[in-house]
Amino acid sequence: MPKLPRISGAEALKALQKLGFERVRQSGSHVIARRGSKGCVIPMHSEPKVGTLAGLLRQADVSPEEFMSAL
């Protein structure tokens, strides 16, 4: 598994949108994105922790390689 980059929540959302996710709603500083039946919660912080980003990718059922290519 490649090392995940240190990126902002907005950059993570843009990468997931390139992979077909769409922004459904926002609750405070967290955006809910969905692609089909899979969804994920993206914290819109300046730099989410790497473990949080890895969990987000597991929620979304997106491989780290696929995510890195969308960046």
PDB file of N, CA and C in Angstrom:
ATOM      1  N   MET A   1       0.838  -1.169   0.000  1.00  0.00           N
ATOM      2  CA  MET A   1       0.000   0.000   0.000  1.00  0.00           C
ATOM      3  C   MET A   1       0.889   1.241   0.000  1.00  0.00           C
ATOM      4  N   PRO A   2       0.631   2.189  -0.919  1.00  0.00           N
ATOM      5  CA  PRO A   2       1.467   3.386  -0.955  1.00  0.00           C
ATOM      6  C   PRO A   2       1.186   4.271   0.245  1.00  0.00           C
ATOM      7  N   LYS A   3       2.154   5.074   0.604  1.00  0.00           N
ATOM      8  CA  LYS A   3       2.002   6.005   1.709  1.00  0.00           C
ATOM      9  C   LYS A   3       1.043   7.109   1.270  1.00  0.00           C
ATOM     10  N   LEU A   4       0.020   7.343   2.080  1.00  0.00           N
ATOM     11  CA  LEU A   4      -0.968   8.366   1.731  1.00  0.00           C
ATOM     12  C   LEU A   4      -0.377   9.756   1.949  1.00  0.00           C
ATOM     13  N   PRO A   5      -0.701  10.695   1.068  1.00  0.00           N
ATOM     14  CA  PRO A   5      -0.145  12.046   1.174  1.00  0.00           C
ATOM     15  C   PRO A   5      -0.841  12.864   2.255  1.00  0.00           C
ATOM     16  N   ARG A   6      -0.210  13.923   2.689  1.00  0.00           N
ATOM     17  CA  ARG A   6      -0.808  14.874   3.618  1.00  0.00           C
ATOM     18  C   ARG A   6      -1.527  15.918   2.767  1.00  0.00           C
ATOM     19  N   ILE A   7      -2.852  15.823   2.696  1.00  0.00           N
ATOM     20  CA  ILE A   7      -3.637  16.738   1.876  1.00  0.00           C
ATOM     21  C   ILE A   7      -4.774  17.306   2.702  1.00  0.00           C
ATOM     22  N   SER A   8      -5.411  18.343   2.193  1.00  0.00           N
ATOM     23  CA  SER A   8      -6.543  18.942   2.894  1.00  0.00           C
ATOM     24  C   SER A   8      -7.816  18.156   2.585  1.00  0.00           C
ATOM     25  N   GLY A   9      -8.847  18.425   3.359  1.00  0.00           N
ATOM     26  CA  GLY A   9     -10.131  17.784   3.126  1.00  0.00           C
ATOM     27  C   GLY A   9     -10.708  18.161   1.774  1.00  0.00           C
ATOM     28  N   ALA A  10     -10.498  19.410   1.359  1.00  0.00           N
ATOM     29  CA  ALA A  10     -11.005  19.871   0.060  1.00  0.00           C
ATOM     30  C   ALA A  10     -10.329  19.117  -1.082  1.00  0.00           C
ATOM     31  N   GLU A  11      -9.030  18.862  -0.949  1.00  0.00           N
ATOM     32  CA  GLU A  11      -8.306  18.110  -1.985  1.00  0.00           C
ATOM     33  C   GLU A  11      -8.795  16.659  -2.041  1.00  0.00           C
ATOM     34  N   ALA A  12      -9.092  16.084  -0.872  1.00  0.00           N
ATOM     35  CA  ALA A  12      -9.609  14.715  -0.829  1.00  0.00           C
ATOM     36  C   ALA A  12     -10.977  14.655  -1.514  1.00  0.00           C
ATOM     37  N   LEU A  13     -11.811  15.663  -1.266  1.00  0.00           N
ATOM     38  CA  LEU A  13     -13.134  15.702  -1.895  1.00  0.00           C
ATOM     39  C   LEU A  13     -13.009  15.813  -3.409  1.00  0.00           C
ATOM     40  N   LYS A  14     -12.100  16.659  -3.894  1.00  0.00           N
ATOM     41  CA  LYS A  14     -11.894  16.808  -5.346  1.00  0.00           C
ATOM     42  C   LYS A  14     -11.462  15.479  -5.973  1.00  0.00           C
ATOM     43  N   ALA A  15     -10.553  14.771  -5.306  1.00  0.00           N
ATOM     44  CA  ALA A  15     -10.078  13.484  -5.836  1.00  0.00           C
ATOM     45  C   ALA A  15     -11.218  12.472  -5.874  1.00  0.00           C
ATOM     46  N   LEU A  16     -12.040  12.438  -4.841  1.00  0.00           N
ATOM     47  CA  LEU A  16     -13.163  11.497  -4.825  1.00  0.00           C
ATOM     48  C   LEU A  16     -14.210  11.875  -5.867  1.00  0.00           C
ATOM     49  N   GLN A  17     -14.382  13.169  -6.121  1.00  0.00           N
ATOM     50  CA  GLN A  17     -15.315  13.590  -7.167  1.00  0.00           C
ATOM     51  C   GLN A  17     -14.830  13.144  -8.539  1.00  0.00           C
ATOM     52  N   LYS A  18     -13.516  13.120  -8.748  1.00  0.00           N
ATOM     53  CA  LYS A  18     -12.965  12.613 -10.010  1.00  0.00           C
ATOM     54  C   LYS A  18     -13.249  11.123 -10.166  1.00  0.00           C
ATOM     55  N   LEU A  19     -13.410  10.424  -9.028  1.00  0.00           N
ATOM     56  CA  LEU A  19     -13.686   8.992  -9.048  1.00  0.00           C
ATOM     57  C   LEU A  19     -15.181   8.695  -9.109  1.00  0.00           C
ATOM     58  N   GLY A  20     -16.006   9.732  -9.242  1.00  0.00           N
ATOM     59  CA  GLY A  20     -17.438   9.520  -9.417  1.00  0.00           C
ATOM     60  C   GLY A  20     -18.297   9.800  -8.199  1.00  0.00           C
ATOM     61  N   PHE A  21     -17.710  10.239  -7.105  1.00  0.00           N
ATOM     62  CA  PHE A  21     -18.493  10.575  -5.919  1.00  0.00           C
ATOM     63  C   PHE A  21     -19.102  11.952  -6.101  1.00  0.00           C
ATOM     64  N   GLU A  22     -20.283  12.150  -5.520  1.00  0.00           N
ATOM     65  CA  GLU A  22     -20.880  13.475  -5.551  1.00  0.00           C
ATOM     66  C   GLU A  22     -21.208  13.911  -4.135  1.00  0.00           C
ATOM     67  N   ARG A  23     -21.074  15.199  -3.933  1.00  0.00           N
ATOM     68  CA  ARG A  23     -21.328  15.787  -2.624  1.00  0.00           C
ATOM     69  C   ARG A  23     -22.836  15.769  -2.365  1.00  0.00           C
ATOM     70  N   VAL A  24     -23.269  15.085  -1.307  1.00  0.00           N
ATOM     71  CA  VAL A  24     -24.682  14.957  -0.996  1.00  0.00           C
ATOM     72  C   VAL A  24     -25.118  16.076  -0.062  1.00  0.00           C
ATOM     73  N   ARG A  25     -24.369  16.252   1.031  1.00  0.00           N
ATOM     74  CA  ARG A  25     -24.704  17.299   1.988  1.00  0.00           C
ATOM     75  C   ARG A  25     -23.504  17.588   2.864  1.00  0.00           C
ATOM     76  N   GLN A  26     -23.648  18.635   3.695  1.00  0.00           N
ATOM     77  CA  GLN A  26     -22.588  18.992   4.623  1.00  0.00           C
ATOM     78  C   GLN A  26     -23.208  19.234   5.986  1.00  0.00           C
ATOM     79  N   SER A  27     -22.575  18.709   7.005  1.00  0.00           N
ATOM     80  CA  SER A  27     -23.008  18.912   8.375  1.00  0.00           C
ATOM     81  C   SER A  27     -21.814  19.456   9.145  1.00  0.00           C
ATOM     82  N   GLY A  28     -21.813  20.735   9.410  1.00  0.00           N
ATOM     83  CA  GLY A  28     -20.676  21.364  10.084  1.00  0.00           C
ATOM     84  C   GLY A  28     -19.452  21.333   9.189  1.00  0.00           C
ATOM     85  N   SER A  29     -18.360  20.772   9.692  1.00  0.00           N
ATOM     86  CA  SER A  29     -17.128  20.722   8.900  1.00  0.00           C
ATOM     87  C   SER A  29     -16.925  19.370   8.234  1.00  0.00           C
ATOM     88  N   HIS A  30     -17.998  18.588   8.080  1.00  0.00           N
ATOM     89  CA  HIS A  30     -17.905  17.274   7.448  1.00  0.00           C
ATOM     90  C   HIS A  30     -18.844  17.187   6.253  1.00  0.00           C
ATOM     91  N   VAL A  31     -18.301  16.721   5.128  1.00  0.00           N
ATOM     92  CA  VAL A  31     -19.074  16.570   3.896  1.00  0.00           C
ATOM     93  C   VAL A  31     -19.392  15.090   3.714  1.00  0.00           C
ATOM     94  N   ILE A  32     -20.610  14.801   3.331  1.00  0.00           N
ATOM     95  CA  ILE A  32     -21.020  13.436   3.034  1.00  0.00           C
ATOM     96  C   ILE A  32     -21.058  13.298   1.516  1.00  0.00           C
ATOM     97  N   ALA A  33     -20.287  12.344   0.993  1.00  0.00           N
ATOM     98  CA  ALA A  33     -20.218  12.104  -0.449  1.00  0.00           C
ATOM     99  C   ALA A  33     -20.705  10.679  -0.723  1.00  0.00           C
ATOM    100  N   ARG A  34     -21.282  10.470  -1.892  1.00  0.00           N
ATOM    101  CA  ARG A  34     -21.858   9.174  -2.217  1.00  0.00           C
ATOM    102  C   ARG A  34     -21.603   8.825  -3.683  1.00  0.00           C
ATOM    103  N   ARG A  35     -21.353   7.535  -3.912  1.00  0.00           N
ATOM    104  CA  ARG A  35     -21.254   6.977  -5.270  1.00  0.00           C
ATOM    105  C   ARG A  35     -22.026   5.673  -5.244  1.00  0.00           C
ATOM    106  N   GLY A  36     -23.202   5.675  -5.849  1.00  0.00           N
ATOM    107  CA  GLY A  36     -24.057   4.494  -5.799  1.00  0.00           C
ATOM    108  C   GLY A  36     -24.499   4.238  -4.372  1.00  0.00           C
ATOM    109  N   SER A  37     -24.234   3.032  -3.880  1.00  0.00           N
ATOM    110  CA  SER A  37     -24.617   2.699  -2.509  1.00  0.00           C
ATOM    111  C   SER A  37     -23.498   2.952  -1.514  1.00  0.00           C
ATOM    112  N   LYS A  38     -22.323   3.314  -1.992  1.00  0.00           N
ATOM    113  CA  LYS A  38     -21.179   3.573  -1.112  1.00  0.00           C
ATOM    114  C   LYS A  38     -21.093   5.054  -0.796  1.00  0.00           C
ATOM    115  N   GLY A  39     -20.846   5.360   0.461  1.00  0.00           N
ATOM    116  CA  GLY A  39     -20.709   6.748   0.868  1.00  0.00           C
ATOM    117  C   GLY A  39     -19.557   6.896   1.833  1.00  0.00           C
ATOM    118  N   CYS A  40     -19.173   8.132   2.101  1.00  0.00           N
ATOM    119  CA  CYS A  40     -18.106   8.389   3.052  1.00  0.00           C
ATOM    120  C   CYS A  40     -18.260   9.787   3.624  1.00  0.00           C
ATOM    121  N   VAL A  41     -17.649   9.994   4.771  1.00  0.00           N
ATOM    122  CA  VAL A  41     -17.675  11.279   5.450  1.00  0.00           C
ATOM    123  C   VAL A  41     -16.278  11.875   5.340  1.00  0.00           C
ATOM    124  N   ILE A  42     -16.193  13.078   4.776  1.00  0.00           N
ATOM    125  CA  ILE A  42     -14.906  13.728   4.552  1.00  0.00           C
ATOM    126  C   ILE A  42     -14.783  14.922   5.488  1.00  0.00           C
ATOM    127  N   PRO A  43     -13.813  14.904   6.409  1.00  0.00           N
ATOM    128  CA  PRO A  43     -13.629  16.060   7.282  1.00  0.00           C
ATOM    129  C   PRO A  43     -12.974  17.189   6.480  1.00  0.00           C
ATOM    130  N   MET A  44     -13.577  18.353   6.494  1.00  0.00           N
ATOM    131  CA  MET A  44     -13.053  19.485   5.730  1.00  0.00           C
ATOM    132  C   MET A  44     -12.068  20.281   6.579  1.00  0.00           C
ATOM    133  N   HIS A  45     -11.071  19.584   7.124  1.00  0.00           N
ATOM    134  CA  HIS A  45     -10.047  20.212   7.941  1.00  0.00           C
ATOM    135  C   HIS A  45      -8.861  20.570   7.058  1.00  0.00           C
ATOM    136  N   SER A  46      -7.970  21.384   7.585  1.00  0.00           N
ATOM    137  CA  SER A  46      -6.824  21.798   6.776  1.00  0.00           C
ATOM    138  C   SER A  46      -5.943  20.607   6.431  1.00  0.00           C
ATOM    139  N   GLU A  47      -5.811  19.644   7.347  1.00  0.00           N
ATOM    140  CA  GLU A  47      -4.991  18.462   7.071  1.00  0.00           C
ATOM    141  C   GLU A  47      -5.443  17.301   7.949  1.00  0.00           C
ATOM    142  N   PRO A  48      -6.408  16.495   7.472  1.00  0.00           N
ATOM    143  CA  PRO A  48      -6.841  15.337   8.266  1.00  0.00           C
ATOM    144  C   PRO A  48      -5.683  14.366   8.487  1.00  0.00           C
ATOM    145  N   LYS A  49      -5.711  13.642   9.591  1.00  0.00           N
ATOM    146  CA  LYS A  49      -4.650  12.678   9.878  1.00  0.00           C
ATOM    147  C   LYS A  49      -4.676  11.550   8.850  1.00  0.00           C
ATOM    148  N   VAL A  50      -3.539  10.917   8.647  1.00  0.00           N
ATOM    149  CA  VAL A  50      -3.400   9.862   7.642  1.00  0.00           C
ATOM    150  C   VAL A  50      -4.316   8.684   7.959  1.00  0.00           C
ATOM    151  N   GLY A  51      -4.462   8.347   9.240  1.00  0.00           N
ATOM    152  CA  GLY A  51      -5.348   7.261   9.631  1.00  0.00           C
ATOM    153  C   GLY A  51      -6.802   7.571   9.312  1.00  0.00           C
ATOM    154  N   THR A  52      -7.181   8.835   9.464  1.00  0.00           N
ATOM    155  CA  THR A  52      -8.539   9.267   9.129  1.00  0.00           C
ATOM    156  C   THR A  52      -8.763   9.145   7.632  1.00  0.00           C
ATOM    157  N   LEU A  53      -7.771   9.533   6.850  1.00  0.00           N
ATOM    158  CA  LEU A  53      -7.859   9.433   5.391  1.00  0.00           C
ATOM    159  C   LEU A  53      -7.955   7.969   4.958  1.00  0.00           C
ATOM    160  N   ALA A  54      -7.200   7.093   5.602  1.00  0.00           N
ATOM    161  CA  ALA A  54      -7.245   5.666   5.279  1.00  0.00           C
ATOM    162  C   ALA A  54      -8.627   5.094   5.612  1.00  0.00           C
ATOM    163  N   GLY A  55      -9.203   5.492   6.724  1.00  0.00           N
ATOM    164  CA  GLY A  55     -10.535   5.036   7.099  1.00  0.00           C
ATOM    165  C   GLY A  55     -11.591   5.524   6.132  1.00  0.00           C
ATOM    166  N   LEU A  56     -11.427   6.752   5.684  1.00  0.00           N
ATOM    167  CA  LEU A  56     -12.344   7.338   4.701  1.00  0.00           C
ATOM    168  C   LEU A  56     -12.323   6.533   3.406  1.00  0.00           C
ATOM    169  N   LEU A  57     -11.145   6.103   2.972  1.00  0.00           N
ATOM    170  CA  LEU A  57     -11.025   5.321   1.745  1.00  0.00           C
ATOM    171  C   LEU A  57     -11.644   3.932   1.913  1.00  0.00           C
ATOM    172  N   ARG A  58     -11.515   3.355   3.124  1.00  0.00           N
ATOM    173  CA  ARG A  58     -12.160   2.064   3.392  1.00  0.00           C
ATOM    174  C   ARG A  58     -13.676   2.219   3.333  1.00  0.00           C
ATOM    175  N   GLN A  59     -14.196   3.299   3.927  1.00  0.00           N
ATOM    176  CA  GLN A  59     -15.634   3.577   3.882  1.00  0.00           C
ATOM    177  C   GLN A  59     -16.127   3.680   2.451  1.00  0.00           C
ATOM    178  N   ALA A  60     -15.345   4.363   1.627  1.00  0.00           N
ATOM    179  CA  ALA A  60     -15.743   4.629   0.243  1.00  0.00           C
ATOM    180  C   ALA A  60     -15.474   3.445  -0.679  1.00  0.00           C
ATOM    181  N   ASP A  61     -14.762   2.428  -0.176  1.00  0.00           N
ATOM    182  CA  ASP A  61     -14.383   1.266  -0.979  1.00  0.00           C
ATOM    183  C   ASP A  61     -13.524   1.678  -2.175  1.00  0.00           C
ATOM    184  N   VAL A  62     -12.537   2.529  -1.877  1.00  0.00           N
ATOM    185  CA  VAL A  62     -11.592   3.021  -2.887  1.00  0.00           C
ATOM    186  C   VAL A  62     -10.197   2.593  -2.450  1.00  0.00           C
ATOM    187  N   SER A  63      -9.428   2.014  -3.352  1.00  0.00           N
ATOM    188  CA  SER A  63      -8.069   1.600  -3.007  1.00  0.00           C
ATOM    189  C   SER A  63      -7.160   2.835  -2.941  1.00  0.00           C
ATOM    190  N   PRO A  64      -6.116   2.769  -2.116  1.00  0.00           N
ATOM    191  CA  PRO A  64      -5.184   3.896  -2.038  1.00  0.00           C
ATOM    192  C   PRO A  64      -4.544   4.222  -3.393  1.00  0.00           C
ATOM    193  N   GLU A  65      -4.270   3.187  -4.202  1.00  0.00           N
ATOM    194  CA  GLU A  65      -3.670   3.410  -5.519  1.00  0.00           C
ATOM    195  C   GLU A  65      -4.624   4.198  -6.414  1.00  0.00           C
ATOM    196  N   GLU A  66      -5.899   3.824  -6.378  1.00  0.00           N
ATOM    197  CA  GLU A  66      -6.922   4.505  -7.172  1.00  0.00           C
ATOM    198  C   GLU A  66      -7.043   5.962  -6.715  1.00  0.00           C
ATOM    199  N   PHE A  67      -7.007   6.177  -5.405  1.00  0.00           N
ATOM    200  CA  PHE A  67      -7.116   7.530  -4.859  1.00  0.00           C
ATOM    201  C   PHE A  67      -5.909   8.371  -5.259  1.00  0.00           C
ATOM    202  N   MET A  68      -4.714   7.795  -5.163  1.00  0.00           N
ATOM    203  CA  MET A  68      -3.493   8.523  -5.521  1.00  0.00           C
ATOM    204  C   MET A  68      -3.493   8.919  -6.990  1.00  0.00           C
ATOM    205  N   SER A  69      -4.031   8.069  -7.863  1.00  0.00           N
ATOM    206  CA  SER A  69      -4.052   8.394  -9.285  1.00  0.00           C
ATOM    207  C   SER A  69      -5.047   9.529  -9.567  1.00  0.00           C
ATOM    208  N   ALA A  70      -6.078   9.670  -8.724  1.00  0.00           N
ATOM    209  CA  ALA A  70      -7.066  10.734  -8.918  1.00  0.00           C
ATOM    210  C   ALA A  70      -6.569  12.093  -8.420  1.00  0.00           C
ATOM    211  N   LEU A  71      -5.527  12.075  -7.588  1.00  0.00           N
ATOM    212  CA  LEU A  71      -4.967  13.345  -7.099  1.00  0.00           C
ATOM    213  C   LEU A  71      -4.269  14.013  -8.253  1.00  0.00           C
TER     214      LEU A  71
END
